[in-house]
């Protein structure tokens, strides 16, 4: 559930159509640039809003040997999140962002108890839910090597996660029936560096990010009566994507990344019952663009991992530039 890292070699793909990007000279044209050709941050004065919806069902995971297993006791859960994002270009190289997520999670547990001596079977199906505003993310990005007039560009960004979501359980009936949290209750920082090579109609992007979580406190179990001091594990992600225009209004991106998470610390000590985890994921995306409006869909597919979920995540996105 936390964040990851990835690294790739930048490639140059020769193309005689590079000049097509150089024709974009007026503000109206700049606003219509696609995920392949647009700068790494918004141009000065441009404002973009967007909605991102994600959904996944959890019933499989990668065990300690890296093999896919079903969750024990017929346990499964579904989770969806809708995020509102706003981006503004302060200058042609500096951009700020704000993300406000709304999460909705349902967890179901199926248990069957057999009593052959009484010729009786008892089926127990508790469920838990968690709905509400999640942790807000504020971000700033700066183009170290500007995208304007350069095929190669680079930017650095910093995300700050603010614990605005509910961090504790409520309406607890038992260990299995409750309203779950919608946030983590801690402040976190995520610096990220991205580099891109653009040779129209192709672009290749490589990125690295590191997530650091500050210490905080929250209830770890539904029946806890007090909060426990905790520091969620730091994580890193390394990735790269190859992007191409299929035509003037459809673009295809292919992202592959590797993520690693350490151990959580409870009361300042690494939790012995938990393990460091990692995963490799592939995410194809298709993006449709009509002038300043953009619509995209993606599937995040876990390819391999250890102590990590093995179910795909489905994502829908809509954006508009003012």
Protein backbone atom coordinates (compact mmCIF):
# COMPACT_ATOMS: atom_id res chain seq x y z
CA UNK A 1 0.00 0.00 0.00
CA UNK A 2 2.96 2.30 0.21
CA UNK A 3 5.33 3.73 -2.37
CA UNK A 4 8.17 2.33 -4.75
CA UNK A 5 11.33 2.82 -7.13
CA UNK A 6 12.62 2.23 -10.71
CA UNK A 7 15.64 2.82 -13.09
CA UNK A 8 16.09 2.56 -16.85
CA UNK A 9 18.54 3.44 -19.67
CA UNK A 10 17.40 6.40 -21.75
CA UNK A 11 17.23 5.63 -25.48
CA UNK A 12 17.15 7.92 -28.52
CA UNK A 13 14.83 6.90 -31.36
CA UNK A 14 15.52 8.83 -34.57
CA UNK A 15 12.49 10.34 -36.24
CA UNK A 16 12.04 12.79 -39.07
CA UNK A 17 8.79 14.02 -37.46
CA UNK A 18 10.53 15.79 -34.55
CA UNK A 19 9.74 19.07 -36.23
CA UNK A 20 6.04 18.52 -35.53
CA UNK A 21 6.58 19.41 -31.86
CA UNK A 22 8.44 22.58 -32.82
CA UNK A 23 5.33 23.97 -34.50
CA UNK A 24 3.54 24.29 -31.15
CA UNK A 25 4.17 27.96 -30.56
CA UNK A 26 0.97 29.58 -29.32
CA UNK A 27 -0.71 29.05 -25.91
CA UNK A 28 -3.74 27.28 -27.42
CA UNK A 29 -1.46 24.69 -29.06
CA UNK A 30 0.62 24.26 -25.91
CA UNK A 31 -2.50 23.41 -23.91
CA UNK A 32 -3.27 20.65 -26.41
CA UNK A 33 0.05 18.85 -26.05
CA UNK A 34 -0.27 15.16 -25.16
CA UNK A 35 1.29 12.91 -22.53
CA UNK A 36 4.08 12.21 -25.03
CA UNK A 37 4.96 15.79 -26.02
CA UNK A 38 3.96 17.98 -23.07
CA UNK A 39 6.64 19.49 -20.77
CA UNK A 40 7.45 17.74 -17.49
CA UNK A 41 5.50 20.50 -15.72
CA UNK A 42 2.78 22.93 -16.79
CA UNK A 43 3.73 26.17 -18.51
CA UNK A 44 3.32 29.48 -16.67
CA UNK A 45 -0.29 30.41 -15.97
CA UNK A 46 -1.75 27.08 -17.10
CA UNK A 47 -4.19 25.36 -14.73
CA UNK A 48 -5.18 21.68 -14.94
CA UNK A 49 -7.81 19.78 -12.95
CA UNK A 50 -8.41 16.07 -12.97
CA UNK A 51 -10.16 13.09 -11.43
CA UNK A 52 -8.48 9.73 -10.91
CA UNK A 53 -10.48 6.64 -9.96
CA UNK A 54 -8.85 3.34 -8.95
CA UNK A 55 -10.35 0.01 -7.96
CA UNK A 56 -8.96 -3.37 -6.98
CA UNK A 57 -10.00 -6.59 -5.29
CA UNK A 58 -7.58 -8.28 -2.90
CA UNK A 59 -7.74 -12.05 -2.67
CA UNK A 60 -4.23 -13.11 -3.79
CA UNK A 61 -0.72 -12.30 -2.63
CA UNK A 62 2.91 -13.22 -3.29
CA UNK A 63 4.23 -15.37 -0.42
CA UNK A 64 7.78 -15.59 0.95
CA UNK A 65 8.79 -17.71 -2.06
CA UNK A 66 7.32 -15.27 -4.55
CA UNK A 67 4.45 -17.57 -5.51
CA UNK A 68 0.84 -16.44 -5.81
CA UNK A 69 -1.42 -17.68 -3.03
CA UNK A 70 -5.04 -17.00 -2.16
CA UNK A 71 -5.70 -15.15 1.08
CA UNK A 72 -6.43 -17.46 4.03
CA UNK A 73 -9.92 -18.30 5.28
CA UNK A 74 -11.57 -17.14 2.05
CA UNK A 75 -10.76 -13.55 2.98
CA UNK A 76 -11.14 -10.92 0.29
CA UNK A 77 -11.54 -7.19 0.15
CA UNK A 78 -12.32 -4.56 -2.45
CA UNK A 79 -11.04 -1.02 -2.38
CA UNK A 80 -11.70 2.04 -4.50
CA UNK A 81 -10.40 5.56 -4.35
CA UNK A 82 -11.38 8.74 -6.16
CA UNK A 83 -8.85 11.55 -6.20
CA UNK A 84 -9.25 15.18 -7.24
CA UNK A 85 -6.05 16.79 -8.52
CA UNK A 86 -5.27 20.40 -9.34
CA UNK A 87 -2.03 21.62 -10.96
CA UNK A 88 -0.84 25.17 -11.64
CA UNK A 89 2.21 26.43 -13.50
CA UNK A 90 3.85 29.22 -11.50
CA UNK A 91 6.49 29.55 -14.21
CA UNK A 92 7.54 27.51 -17.23
CA UNK A 93 9.73 25.44 -14.88
CA UNK A 94 7.89 25.48 -11.52
CA UNK A 95 4.54 23.77 -10.86
CA UNK A 96 2.50 23.15 -7.71
CA UNK A 97 -0.14 20.44 -7.19
CA UNK A 98 -2.80 19.45 -4.69
CA UNK A 99 -4.44 16.03 -4.42
CA UNK A 100 -7.55 15.25 -2.33
CA UNK A 101 -8.47 11.53 -2.22
CA UNK A 102 -11.75 9.90 -1.17
CA UNK A 103 -11.43 6.22 -0.30
CA UNK A 104 -14.00 3.46 -0.02
CA UNK A 105 -12.91 0.02 1.19
CA UNK A 106 -14.93 -3.12 1.88
CA UNK A 107 -13.41 -6.20 3.53
CA UNK A 108 -15.26 -9.50 3.68
CA UNK A 109 -14.30 -12.61 5.63
CA UNK A 110 -15.83 -16.02 5.05
CA UNK A 111 -15.49 -18.71 7.69
CA UNK A 112 -17.16 -22.11 7.96
CA UNK A 113 -17.27 -24.06 11.24
CA UNK A 114 -18.15 -27.77 11.09
CA UNK A 115 -19.60 -29.74 14.04
CA UNK A 116 -20.08 -33.28 12.69
CA UNK A 117 -21.09 -34.69 16.06
CA UNK A 118 -24.13 -32.42 15.97
CA UNK A 119 -24.54 -32.57 12.20
CA UNK A 120 -24.19 -28.77 12.17
CA UNK A 121 -22.40 -26.24 10.00
CA UNK A 122 -22.09 -22.55 10.95
CA UNK A 123 -21.18 -19.95 8.35
CA UNK A 124 -19.74 -16.67 9.59
CA UNK A 125 -19.49 -13.74 7.15
CA UNK A 126 -18.38 -10.55 8.91
CA UNK A 127 -17.44 -7.43 6.95
CA UNK A 128 -15.78 -4.10 7.55
CA UNK A 129 -15.90 -0.79 5.70
CA UNK A 130 -13.86 2.36 5.52
CA UNK A 131 -15.11 5.45 3.70
CA UNK A 132 -14.09 9.09 3.81
CA UNK A 133 -11.51 11.71 2.89
CA UNK A 134 -8.00 10.31 2.83
CA UNK A 135 -4.61 11.94 3.40
CA UNK A 136 -4.14 15.08 1.27
CA UNK A 137 -1.01 15.40 -0.88
CA UNK A 138 0.66 18.73 -1.72
CA UNK A 139 3.45 18.75 -4.29
CA UNK A 140 5.94 21.04 -6.04
CA UNK A 141 7.96 20.26 -9.19
CA UNK A 142 10.88 22.10 -10.79
CA UNK A 143 12.44 21.44 -14.19
CA UNK A 144 16.19 21.14 -13.61
CA UNK A 145 16.75 20.79 -17.36
CA UNK A 146 13.78 22.54 -18.98
CA UNK A 147 11.62 20.77 -21.56
CA UNK A 148 11.42 23.86 -23.78
CA UNK A 149 13.69 23.51 -26.84
CA UNK A 150 15.31 20.35 -25.37
CA UNK A 151 14.80 16.73 -26.37
CA UNK A 152 16.23 15.67 -23.00
CA UNK A 153 14.69 17.17 -19.84
CA UNK A 154 14.74 16.49 -16.11
CA UNK A 155 12.67 17.55 -13.13
CA UNK A 156 12.71 17.14 -9.36
CA UNK A 157 9.58 17.06 -7.24
CA UNK A 158 8.59 16.75 -3.60
CA UNK A 159 5.29 15.37 -2.32
CA UNK A 160 4.11 16.10 1.22
CA UNK A 161 1.36 13.86 2.57
CA UNK A 162 -0.74 15.54 5.26
CA UNK A 163 -2.66 13.20 7.64
CA UNK A 164 -6.18 14.51 7.06
CA UNK A 165 -7.82 11.07 6.81
CA UNK A 166 -9.33 9.24 9.77
CA UNK A 167 -6.53 7.15 11.29
CA UNK A 168 -8.44 4.99 13.78
CA UNK A 169 -11.23 2.43 13.70
CA UNK A 170 -14.74 3.37 14.74
CA UNK A 171 -18.13 1.71 15.23
CA UNK A 172 -16.28 -1.44 16.31
CA UNK A 173 -18.45 -4.51 16.87
CA UNK A 174 -15.68 -7.13 16.91
CA UNK A 175 -12.23 -7.84 15.43
CA UNK A 176 -13.94 -8.48 12.10
CA UNK A 177 -16.76 -5.89 12.04
CA UNK A 178 -15.90 -2.19 12.12
CA UNK A 179 -15.51 1.02 10.10
CA UNK A 180 -11.88 1.14 9.02
CA UNK A 181 -9.51 4.11 8.81
CA UNK A 182 -9.11 6.18 5.63
CA UNK A 183 -5.65 7.57 6.42
CA UNK A 184 -2.40 6.62 8.12
CA UNK A 185 -2.06 9.40 10.68
CA UNK A 186 1.52 10.34 9.75
CA UNK A 187 3.27 12.99 7.71
CA UNK A 188 5.38 11.65 4.85
CA UNK A 189 7.80 13.13 2.31
CA UNK A 190 8.38 11.72 -1.17
CA UNK A 191 11.17 13.27 -3.25
CA UNK A 192 11.25 12.15 -6.89
CA UNK A 193 13.52 12.69 -9.88
CA UNK A 194 12.31 12.15 -13.47
CA UNK A 195 14.23 12.32 -16.75
CA UNK A 196 12.79 12.16 -20.27
CA UNK A 197 14.06 11.79 -23.80
CA UNK A 198 11.64 13.01 -26.48
CA UNK A 199 11.94 12.20 -30.18
CA UNK A 200 8.50 12.65 -31.69
CA UNK A 201 6.35 10.52 -31.81
CA UNK A 202 8.18 8.67 -29.02
CA UNK A 203 9.30 9.52 -25.50
CA UNK A 204 11.11 7.53 -22.83
CA UNK A 205 10.82 8.46 -19.16
CA UNK A 206 12.85 7.15 -16.21
CA UNK A 207 12.13 8.00 -12.57
CA UNK A 208 13.18 7.30 -9.00
CA UNK A 209 11.27 8.13 -5.82
CA UNK A 210 11.81 7.59 -2.12
CA UNK A 211 9.11 7.77 0.54
CA UNK A 212 9.97 8.67 4.13
CA UNK A 213 7.32 8.42 6.85
CA UNK A 214 7.62 10.34 10.10
CA UNK A 215 6.61 8.77 13.39
CA UNK A 216 3.01 8.92 14.51
CA UNK A 217 0.46 6.98 16.49
CA UNK A 218 -2.77 5.12 15.75
CA UNK A 219 -4.77 2.10 16.84
CA UNK A 220 -3.34 -1.02 15.20
CA UNK A 221 -6.29 -3.32 15.86
CA UNK A 222 -10.06 -2.65 15.91
CA UNK A 223 -10.41 -3.58 19.59
CA UNK A 224 -7.47 -1.47 20.83
CA UNK A 225 -8.37 1.10 23.47
CA UNK A 226 -5.34 3.35 22.96
CA UNK A 227 -3.03 4.42 20.17
CA UNK A 228 0.40 2.86 19.62
CA UNK A 229 3.52 4.74 18.54
CA UNK A 230 4.50 3.65 15.03
CA UNK A 231 6.67 4.62 12.09
CA UNK A 232 5.60 3.11 8.80
CA UNK A 233 8.37 1.65 6.68
CA UNK A 234 10.18 3.80 4.17
CA UNK A 235 9.97 2.69 0.56
CA UNK A 236 11.50 3.37 -2.83
CA UNK A 237 10.42 2.94 -6.44
CA UNK A 238 12.48 2.81 -9.62
CA UNK A 239 10.74 2.77 -13.00
CA UNK A 240 10.68 3.65 -16.67
CA UNK A 241 8.06 4.07 -19.37
CA UNK A 242 8.06 3.95 -23.15
CA UNK A 243 5.44 6.20 -24.73
CA UNK A 244 4.22 6.52 -28.32
CA UNK A 245 1.58 8.33 -30.35
CA UNK A 246 -0.68 5.87 -32.14
CA UNK A 247 -2.21 8.83 -33.99
CA UNK A 248 -2.80 12.54 -33.32
CA UNK A 249 -5.29 11.92 -30.51
CA UNK A 250 -4.39 8.52 -29.00
CA UNK A 251 -1.21 7.79 -27.04
CA UNK A 252 -0.01 4.53 -25.49
CA UNK A 253 2.35 4.34 -22.52
CA UNK A 254 4.03 1.28 -21.00
CA UNK A 255 5.44 1.56 -17.48
CA UNK A 256 7.46 -1.04 -15.57
CA UNK A 257 8.73 -0.45 -12.04
CA UNK A 258 10.36 -2.08 -9.03
CA UNK A 259 9.36 -1.19 -5.47
CA UNK A 260 10.85 -2.05 -2.08
CA UNK A 261 9.46 -1.53 1.45
CA UNK A 262 11.32 -1.96 4.73
CA UNK A 263 9.84 -2.98 8.09
CA UNK A 264 7.43 -0.89 10.13
CA UNK A 265 8.67 0.20 13.54
CA UNK A 266 6.37 -0.12 16.54
CA UNK A 267 7.43 1.79 19.65
CA UNK A 268 10.76 2.48 17.91
CA UNK A 269 11.59 -1.20 17.27
CA UNK A 270 11.26 -3.02 13.89
CA UNK A 271 8.23 -5.31 14.07
CA UNK A 272 9.53 -8.91 14.11
CA UNK A 273 6.26 -10.34 12.79
CA UNK A 274 6.51 -8.24 9.61
CA UNK A 275 8.83 -8.65 6.66
CA UNK A 276 10.46 -6.40 4.10
CA UNK A 277 8.57 -6.66 0.81
CA UNK A 278 9.07 -5.88 -2.85
CA UNK A 279 7.24 -6.06 -6.15
CA UNK A 280 7.67 -5.64 -9.89
CA UNK A 281 4.69 -4.18 -11.73
CA UNK A 282 3.78 -3.47 -15.34
CA UNK A 283 1.24 -0.77 -16.19
CA UNK A 284 -0.02 -0.20 -19.74
CA UNK A 285 -2.08 2.96 -20.30
CA UNK A 286 -4.07 4.31 -23.20
CA UNK A 287 -4.82 8.03 -23.29
CA UNK A 288 -7.37 9.75 -25.54
CA UNK A 289 -7.07 13.49 -26.06
CA UNK A 290 -9.48 15.90 -27.75
CA UNK A 291 -7.99 19.39 -27.69
CA UNK A 292 -7.61 20.32 -23.98
CA UNK A 293 -9.59 17.35 -22.60
CA UNK A 294 -7.82 14.08 -21.77
CA UNK A 295 -9.26 10.68 -20.82
CA UNK A 296 -7.14 7.67 -19.90
CA UNK A 297 -7.32 4.18 -18.49
CA UNK A 298 -4.67 1.87 -17.09
CA UNK A 299 -4.16 -1.50 -15.43
CA UNK A 300 -1.39 -1.97 -12.88
CA UNK A 301 -0.37 -5.64 -13.11
CA UNK A 302 1.87 -7.16 -10.37
CA UNK A 303 4.34 -9.47 -12.15
CA UNK A 304 6.40 -10.68 -9.22
CA UNK A 305 6.86 -9.91 -5.55
CA UNK A 306 7.34 -11.04 -1.99
CA UNK A 307 4.83 -10.46 0.83
CA UNK A 308 2.89 -8.24 -1.56
CA UNK A 309 -0.56 -8.19 -3.17
CA UNK A 310 -0.88 -10.00 -6.50
CA UNK A 311 -4.15 -8.52 -7.80
CA UNK A 312 -4.35 -5.92 -10.61
CA UNK A 313 -5.42 -2.31 -9.99
CA UNK A 314 -7.73 -0.64 -12.51
CA UNK A 315 -7.40 3.11 -13.04
CA UNK A 316 -9.50 5.70 -14.90
CA UNK A 317 -8.40 9.32 -15.38
CA UNK A 318 -9.93 12.52 -16.76
CA UNK A 319 -8.14 15.89 -17.09
CA UNK A 320 -8.79 19.34 -18.51
CA UNK A 321 -6.39 22.26 -19.02
CA UNK A 322 -7.50 25.88 -18.66
